[in-house]
Protein backbone atom coordinates (compact mmCIF):
# COMPACT_ATOMS: atom_id res chain seq x y z
CA MET A 1 8.35 -24.81 11.67
CA SER A 2 8.14 -24.96 7.90
CA VAL A 3 5.87 -22.70 5.91
CA SER A 4 4.39 -23.96 2.65
CA CYS A 5 3.64 -21.72 -0.32
CA LYS A 6 0.67 -22.61 -2.53
CA ARG A 7 0.15 -21.32 -6.04
CA LEU A 8 -2.92 -22.02 -8.15
CA CYS A 9 -2.33 -23.63 -11.54
CA GLY A 10 -5.75 -23.67 -13.20
CA LYS A 11 -7.86 -25.58 -10.67
CA ALA A 12 -4.96 -27.48 -9.21
CA SER A 13 -3.15 -26.30 -6.10
CA VAL A 14 0.51 -27.22 -5.87
CA ALA A 15 2.28 -27.08 -2.50
CA ILE A 16 5.90 -25.99 -2.69
CA VAL A 17 8.27 -26.58 0.22
CA MET A 18 9.33 -23.32 1.81
CA LEU A 19 13.05 -23.74 1.13
CA SER A 20 12.53 -23.99 -2.65
CA LEU A 21 11.06 -20.50 -2.91
CA ILE A 22 11.32 -18.63 0.37
CA PRO A 23 14.55 -18.00 2.30
CA ARG A 24 14.50 -19.19 5.92
CA PHE A 25 14.29 -16.22 8.29
CA ALA A 26 15.54 -15.59 11.79
CA VAL A 27 13.18 -14.52 14.61
CA ALA A 28 11.31 -11.23 14.05
CA GLN A 29 13.07 -8.25 15.58
CA THR A 30 10.46 -5.49 15.87
CA VAL A 31 6.87 -4.89 16.97
CA GLY A 32 4.00 -3.42 14.99
CA CYS A 33 3.16 -4.51 11.46
CA SER A 34 6.48 -3.22 10.08
CA LEU A 35 8.53 -6.32 10.75
CA ARG A 36 12.11 -7.33 10.14
CA ALA A 37 13.51 -10.80 9.61
CA GLY A 38 11.43 -13.84 10.47
CA ALA A 39 8.03 -12.32 9.76
CA ALA A 40 6.73 -14.95 7.35
CA GLU A 41 7.81 -17.90 9.45
CA SER A 42 6.78 -16.50 12.82
CA GLN A 43 3.45 -14.98 11.71
CA CYS A 44 2.17 -17.40 9.05
CA ALA A 45 1.33 -21.09 9.12
CA GLU A 46 1.12 -20.95 5.33
CA ILE A 47 1.48 -18.35 2.59
CA SER A 48 -0.12 -18.26 -0.85
CA LYS A 49 -0.95 -15.94 -3.74
CA THR A 50 -4.72 -16.35 -3.55
CA LEU A 51 -7.66 -15.29 -1.39
CA GLY A 52 -9.42 -18.51 -2.32
CA ASP A 53 -11.84 -17.52 -5.08
CA PRO A 54 -11.49 -15.93 -8.54
CA TYR A 55 -13.74 -12.94 -7.82
CA ASN A 56 -11.76 -11.73 -4.83
CA ASP A 57 -8.45 -12.63 -6.52
CA THR A 58 -9.33 -10.35 -9.46
CA GLY A 59 -10.00 -7.45 -7.11
CA TYR A 60 -6.81 -8.25 -5.19
CA ALA A 61 -4.75 -8.22 -8.41
CA HIS A 62 -6.17 -4.83 -9.40
CA GLU A 63 -5.41 -3.44 -5.93
CA ILE A 64 -1.84 -4.71 -6.03
CA PHE A 65 -1.30 -3.07 -9.41
CA ASN A 66 -2.76 0.26 -8.25
CA LEU A 67 -0.77 0.23 -5.02
CA SER A 68 2.53 -0.48 -6.76
CA ARG A 69 1.90 2.34 -9.22
CA ALA A 70 0.73 4.85 -6.63
CA PHE A 71 3.66 4.29 -4.26
CA SER A 72 6.34 3.64 -6.95
CA VAL A 73 7.41 0.38 -5.31
CA GLN A 74 7.12 -3.27 -6.28
CA PRO A 75 7.03 -5.53 -3.23
CA GLY A 76 5.91 -9.11 -3.30
CA PHE A 77 2.29 -9.55 -2.16
CA PHE A 78 1.17 -12.67 -0.31
CA VAL A 79 -1.82 -14.04 1.56
CA CYS A 80 -0.90 -15.39 4.98
CA ARG A 81 -2.83 -17.96 7.00
CA GLU A 82 -2.15 -16.42 10.39
CA ASN A 83 -0.72 -18.39 13.31
CA GLY A 84 -2.58 -16.11 15.71
CA ALA A 85 -5.03 -13.21 15.53
CA PRO A 86 -6.08 -11.71 12.15
CA ASN A 87 -3.25 -9.49 10.98
CA ALA A 88 -1.35 -7.88 8.09
CA PHE A 89 2.31 -6.90 7.97
CA ALA A 90 5.21 -5.80 5.80
CA THR A 91 8.87 -6.78 5.87
CA PRO A 92 11.94 -5.46 4.02
CA GLU A 93 12.87 -9.07 3.26
CA THR A 94 12.48 -10.03 -0.40
CA VAL A 95 10.59 -13.32 -0.60
CA GLU A 96 9.65 -13.34 -4.29
CA PRO A 97 12.43 -12.88 -6.89
CA GLY A 98 12.14 -9.64 -8.85
CA THR A 99 10.45 -7.75 -6.01
CA ILE A 100 11.74 -5.55 -3.18
CA GLY A 101 10.23 -6.15 0.25
CA SER A 102 7.10 -8.16 1.01
CA VAL A 103 3.51 -7.44 2.07
CA PHE A 104 1.41 -10.13 3.78
CA LEU A 105 -2.38 -9.91 4.06
CA GLY A 106 -3.86 -12.23 6.66
CA MET A 107 -6.51 -14.61 5.31
CA SER A 108 -8.61 -14.35 8.48
CA LEU A 109 -8.38 -10.56 8.38
CA ALA A 110 -9.38 -10.48 4.70
CA GLN A 111 -12.28 -12.88 5.19
CA SER A 112 -13.58 -10.96 8.22
CA GLU A 113 -13.55 -7.64 6.39
CA LEU A 114 -15.09 -9.07 3.21
CA ARG A 115 -17.90 -10.61 5.24
CA ARG A 116 -18.49 -7.25 6.89
CA SER A 117 -18.94 -5.17 3.74
CA GLY A 118 -18.22 -7.21 0.59
CA GLN A 119 -15.56 -6.43 -2.02
CA TYR A 120 -17.11 -3.52 -3.91
CA ASN A 121 -17.99 -1.44 -0.85
CA ASN A 122 -14.98 -2.46 1.20
CA PHE A 123 -12.79 0.45 2.30
CA THR A 124 -10.71 -1.20 4.99
CA LEU A 125 -8.83 -3.86 2.98
CA PRO A 126 -7.43 -1.40 0.41
CA ALA A 127 -6.55 0.93 3.29
CA ILE A 128 -4.81 -1.90 5.17
CA LEU A 129 -2.80 -2.86 2.09
CA ALA A 130 -1.93 0.81 1.50
CA HIS A 131 -0.75 1.05 5.11
CA GLU A 132 1.55 -1.93 4.57
CA VAL A 133 2.88 -0.56 1.28
CA GLY A 134 3.53 2.66 3.19
CA HIS A 135 5.94 0.62 5.30
CA ILE A 136 7.68 -0.55 2.11
CA VAL A 137 8.21 3.13 1.24
CA GLN A 138 9.59 3.69 4.75
CA PHE A 139 12.04 0.81 4.29
CA ARG A 140 13.20 2.38 1.02
CA GLU A 141 13.66 5.78 2.66
CA ARG A 142 15.43 4.24 5.67
CA ASN A 143 12.89 5.87 7.94
CA ARG A 144 14.11 6.32 11.54
CA LEU A 145 10.89 7.25 13.30
CA THR A 146 9.85 5.34 16.41
CA THR A 147 7.59 2.32 15.88
CA LYS A 148 4.39 4.14 16.84
CA LEU A 149 5.16 7.12 14.60
CA LYS A 150 5.99 4.82 11.69
CA GLU A 151 2.58 3.22 12.08
CA LEU A 152 0.80 6.57 12.18
CA GLN A 153 2.74 7.77 9.13
CA ALA A 154 1.68 4.61 7.29
CA ASP A 155 -1.95 5.42 8.24
CA TYR A 156 -1.50 8.92 6.80
CA LEU A 157 -0.15 7.47 3.54
CA ALA A 158 -3.07 5.03 3.43
CA GLY A 159 -5.51 7.94 3.70
CA TRP A 160 -3.75 9.71 0.82
CA TYR A 161 -3.96 6.58 -1.32
CA MET A 162 -7.64 6.04 -0.59
CA ALA A 163 -8.45 9.65 -1.51
CA ASN A 164 -6.82 9.15 -4.91
CA ARG A 165 -7.88 5.53 -5.47
CA ASP A 166 -11.48 6.30 -6.36
CA ARG A 167 -11.03 9.89 -7.51
CA GLY A 168 -13.77 10.83 -9.95
CA VAL A 169 -16.00 7.95 -8.83
CA ALA A 170 -17.26 9.85 -5.77
CA ARG A 171 -17.55 6.65 -3.75
CA TRP A 172 -15.90 7.95 -0.61
CA SER A 173 -16.37 11.15 1.35
CA GLU A 174 -14.48 12.22 4.45
CA THR A 175 -17.56 11.27 6.49
CA SER A 176 -17.68 7.75 5.04
CA VAL A 177 -13.93 7.35 5.64
CA GLN A 178 -14.40 8.37 9.25
CA GLN A 179 -17.29 5.95 9.71
CA ASN A 180 -15.51 3.00 8.09
CA MET A 181 -12.19 3.43 9.83
CA SER A 182 -13.74 4.29 13.22
CA THR A 183 -15.60 0.99 13.11
CA PHE A 184 -12.49 -0.93 12.06
CA TYR A 185 -10.14 0.64 14.62
CA GLY A 186 -12.75 0.09 17.32
CA LEU A 187 -12.91 -3.69 16.80
CA GLY A 188 -9.89 -4.18 19.01
CA ASP A 189 -9.28 -7.89 18.37
CA TYR A 190 -6.74 -7.53 15.56
CA ASP A 191 -2.99 -7.38 16.23
CA TYR A 192 -3.08 -4.79 13.47
CA ASN A 193 -5.03 -2.61 15.92
CA ASN A 194 -2.84 -3.17 18.98
CA GLN A 195 -2.63 0.29 20.54
CA ASP A 196 0.85 -0.38 21.92
CA HIS A 197 2.08 -0.76 18.34
CA HIS A 198 -0.05 1.55 16.24
CA GLY A 199 -1.48 4.30 18.41
CA THR A 200 -4.96 4.84 19.79
CA PRO A 201 -8.03 4.61 17.52
CA ASP A 202 -8.40 8.40 17.66
CA GLU A 203 -4.74 8.95 16.73
CA ARG A 204 -4.99 6.50 13.85
CA LEU A 205 -8.22 7.95 12.52
CA ALA A 206 -6.77 11.47 12.69
CA ALA A 207 -3.73 10.34 10.68
CA VAL A 208 -5.87 8.65 8.01
CA LEU A 209 -8.07 11.75 7.67
CA ALA A 210 -5.02 14.02 7.46
CA GLY A 211 -3.73 11.89 4.61
CA PHE A 212 -7.15 11.85 2.95
CA ARG A 213 -7.13 15.66 2.98
CA SER A 214 -3.69 15.65 1.31
CA ALA A 215 -4.95 14.04 -1.89
CA THR A 216 -3.52 16.74 -4.18
CA LEU A 217 0.09 16.11 -3.08
CA SER A 218 2.58 14.09 -5.09
CA LEU A 219 4.18 11.01 -3.49
CA PRO A 220 7.42 12.80 -2.45
CA ALA A 221 5.39 15.71 -1.07
CA VAL A 222 2.95 13.52 0.85
CA TYR A 223 5.82 11.50 2.30
CA LYS A 224 7.30 14.73 3.69
CA ALA A 225 3.91 15.95 4.86
CA SER A 226 3.18 12.66 6.61
CA TYR A 227 6.59 12.69 8.29
CA GLN A 228 6.08 16.24 9.49
CA TYR A 229 2.57 15.45 10.69
CA VAL A 230 3.54 12.50 12.88
CA SER A 231 6.67 14.24 14.13
CA SER A 232 4.54 17.16 15.31
CA GLN A 233 2.51 14.73 17.44
CA SER A 234 5.58 13.73 19.43
CA TYR A 235 8.33 15.50 21.41
CA GLU A 236 10.92 12.95 20.34
CA PRO A 237 13.69 14.17 18.01
CA ASN A 238 13.50 12.48 14.63
CA THR A 239 15.70 12.27 11.58
CA GLY A 240 14.15 13.89 8.49
CA PRO A 241 12.99 11.97 5.46
CA GLY A 242 15.38 11.15 2.65
CA ASP A 243 13.11 11.27 -0.37
CA GLY A 244 15.60 13.43 -2.24
CA SER A 245 12.97 15.48 -4.06
CA GLN A 246 14.26 18.62 -5.73
CA ALA A 247 12.48 21.80 -6.70
CA GLY A 248 12.87 22.88 -10.28
CA GLY A 249 12.27 26.05 -12.26
CA SER A 250 8.80 27.15 -13.36
CA LEU A 251 7.52 27.20 -16.94
CA SER A 252 4.59 28.98 -18.53
CA GLY A 253 2.37 28.96 -21.60
CA GLN A 254 3.05 26.51 -24.41
CA ASP A 255 6.27 25.25 -22.82
CA ALA A 256 4.36 24.30 -19.67
CA GLU A 257 1.64 22.47 -21.65
CA ALA A 258 4.25 20.62 -23.70
CA THR A 259 6.01 19.58 -20.51
CA VAL A 260 2.75 18.34 -19.00
CA LYS A 261 2.02 16.31 -22.15
CA ARG A 262 5.50 14.74 -22.07
CA CYS A 263 5.05 13.95 -18.39
CA MET A 264 1.68 12.30 -19.07
CA SER A 265 3.06 10.34 -22.01
CA LYS A 266 5.89 9.00 -19.85
CA ARG A 267 3.47 7.98 -17.10
CA ILE A 268 1.20 6.16 -19.55
CA ALA A 269 4.12 4.44 -21.27
CA SER A 270 5.61 3.38 -17.93
CA CYS A 271 2.24 2.12 -16.73
CA MET A 272 1.69 0.14 -19.95
CA ASP A 273 5.11 -1.48 -19.68
CA ASP A 274 4.50 -2.38 -16.04
CA CYS A 275 0.95 -3.58 -16.70
CA THR A 276 1.78 -5.84 -19.67
CA ASN A 277 5.28 -7.07 -18.84
CA ASN A 278 5.30 -7.27 -15.04
CA TYR A 279 1.65 -8.04 -14.34
CA GLY A 280 0.68 -9.89 -17.52
CA PHE A 281 -2.55 -8.03 -18.33
CA SER A 282 -3.58 -7.68 -22.00
CA ARG A 283 -2.66 -4.47 -23.83
CA SER A 284 -6.30 -3.60 -24.41
CA ARG A 285 -7.13 -4.02 -20.73
CA CYS A 286 -4.09 -2.00 -19.71
CA SER A 287 -4.86 0.77 -22.20
CA ASN A 288 -8.58 0.99 -21.52
CA GLN A 289 -8.59 0.36 -17.77
CA MET A 290 -5.40 0.08 -15.76
CA CYS A 291 -3.40 2.79 -17.54
CA SER A 292 -6.15 5.12 -18.70
CA PRO A 293 -5.56 8.67 -17.36
CA ASP A 294 -9.31 8.80 -16.65
CA SER A 295 -9.32 5.68 -14.48
CA GLY A 296 -9.43 5.85 -10.67
CA SER A 297 -6.24 7.15 -9.04
CA ASN A 298 -4.71 7.75 -12.50
CA GLN A 299 -6.72 10.96 -12.58
CA SER A 300 -4.10 12.41 -10.25
CA TRP A 301 -1.40 12.08 -12.95
CA GLU A 302 -2.20 15.33 -14.71
CA ARG A 303 -2.42 17.20 -11.42
CA VAL A 304 0.96 15.85 -10.35
CA CYS A 305 2.51 16.69 -13.74
CA ARG A 306 1.16 20.26 -13.58
CA ALA A 307 2.39 20.65 -10.01
CA ALA A 308 5.87 19.59 -11.13
CA VAL A 309 5.83 22.28 -13.81
CA LYS A 310 5.00 24.95 -11.24
CA GLU A 311 7.74 23.95 -8.78
């Protein structure tokens, strides 16, 4: 089977033969939505970079940017026309040059969830994408948990992301998270929700809520916390995470404030470089929206910088 990749050029859609852009994969080796080789070919009839309309594509582009920044990874993101049931998955295979790993969002899954709640009020699609990017982090850390525990850890990381994504906007409470994700996990007709791969609805919801309550943690800290959480739910021995975080000395007074300011300046500069050079947004848009310390999940930057000073 060949998989075509479509990119939009203005209003024209150009089909590119799979071999010109995407390496041919072997058969997928694992279960769950954290897949190895062969994922794109075995799961997708066609892959693209668009959800099919400019409004949803704009929201998708913003989400991709926020996810890459929050998780400090840069996978390729694709929309997949599923061969089977609505689904989403991640693979360590690099499909797009200049990226590491790949995340595929099923078109049927996206359309179903958008019909259910629309883009602005949709909680599940960002959470699904965060779950898949959580797998990209696991690939980087060479995570050795069992399949089920990897999936529950990715749910935990998704909850952490969602708590920080709209921080300051007050759009989501723990109650609304519970209602949204309970409904989604209870649908039962998505491979993404296969209990044999991901855990029961109750287990998944508990992991998401645990992550949501861990909003104040930095990425290295929440990775450890998520690992410890899922490991405590199982009697299986597991290898510890390899995030390599190190504790430093503490500072106080003016030195601490100066360190926080330097940390913030570095974050803003790094975000601006990423936003303009890698994602192609205008400098004004990056400065005023995407990289503003007062915008969305960016409001966690100062908290993370201050926590680093105290360690």
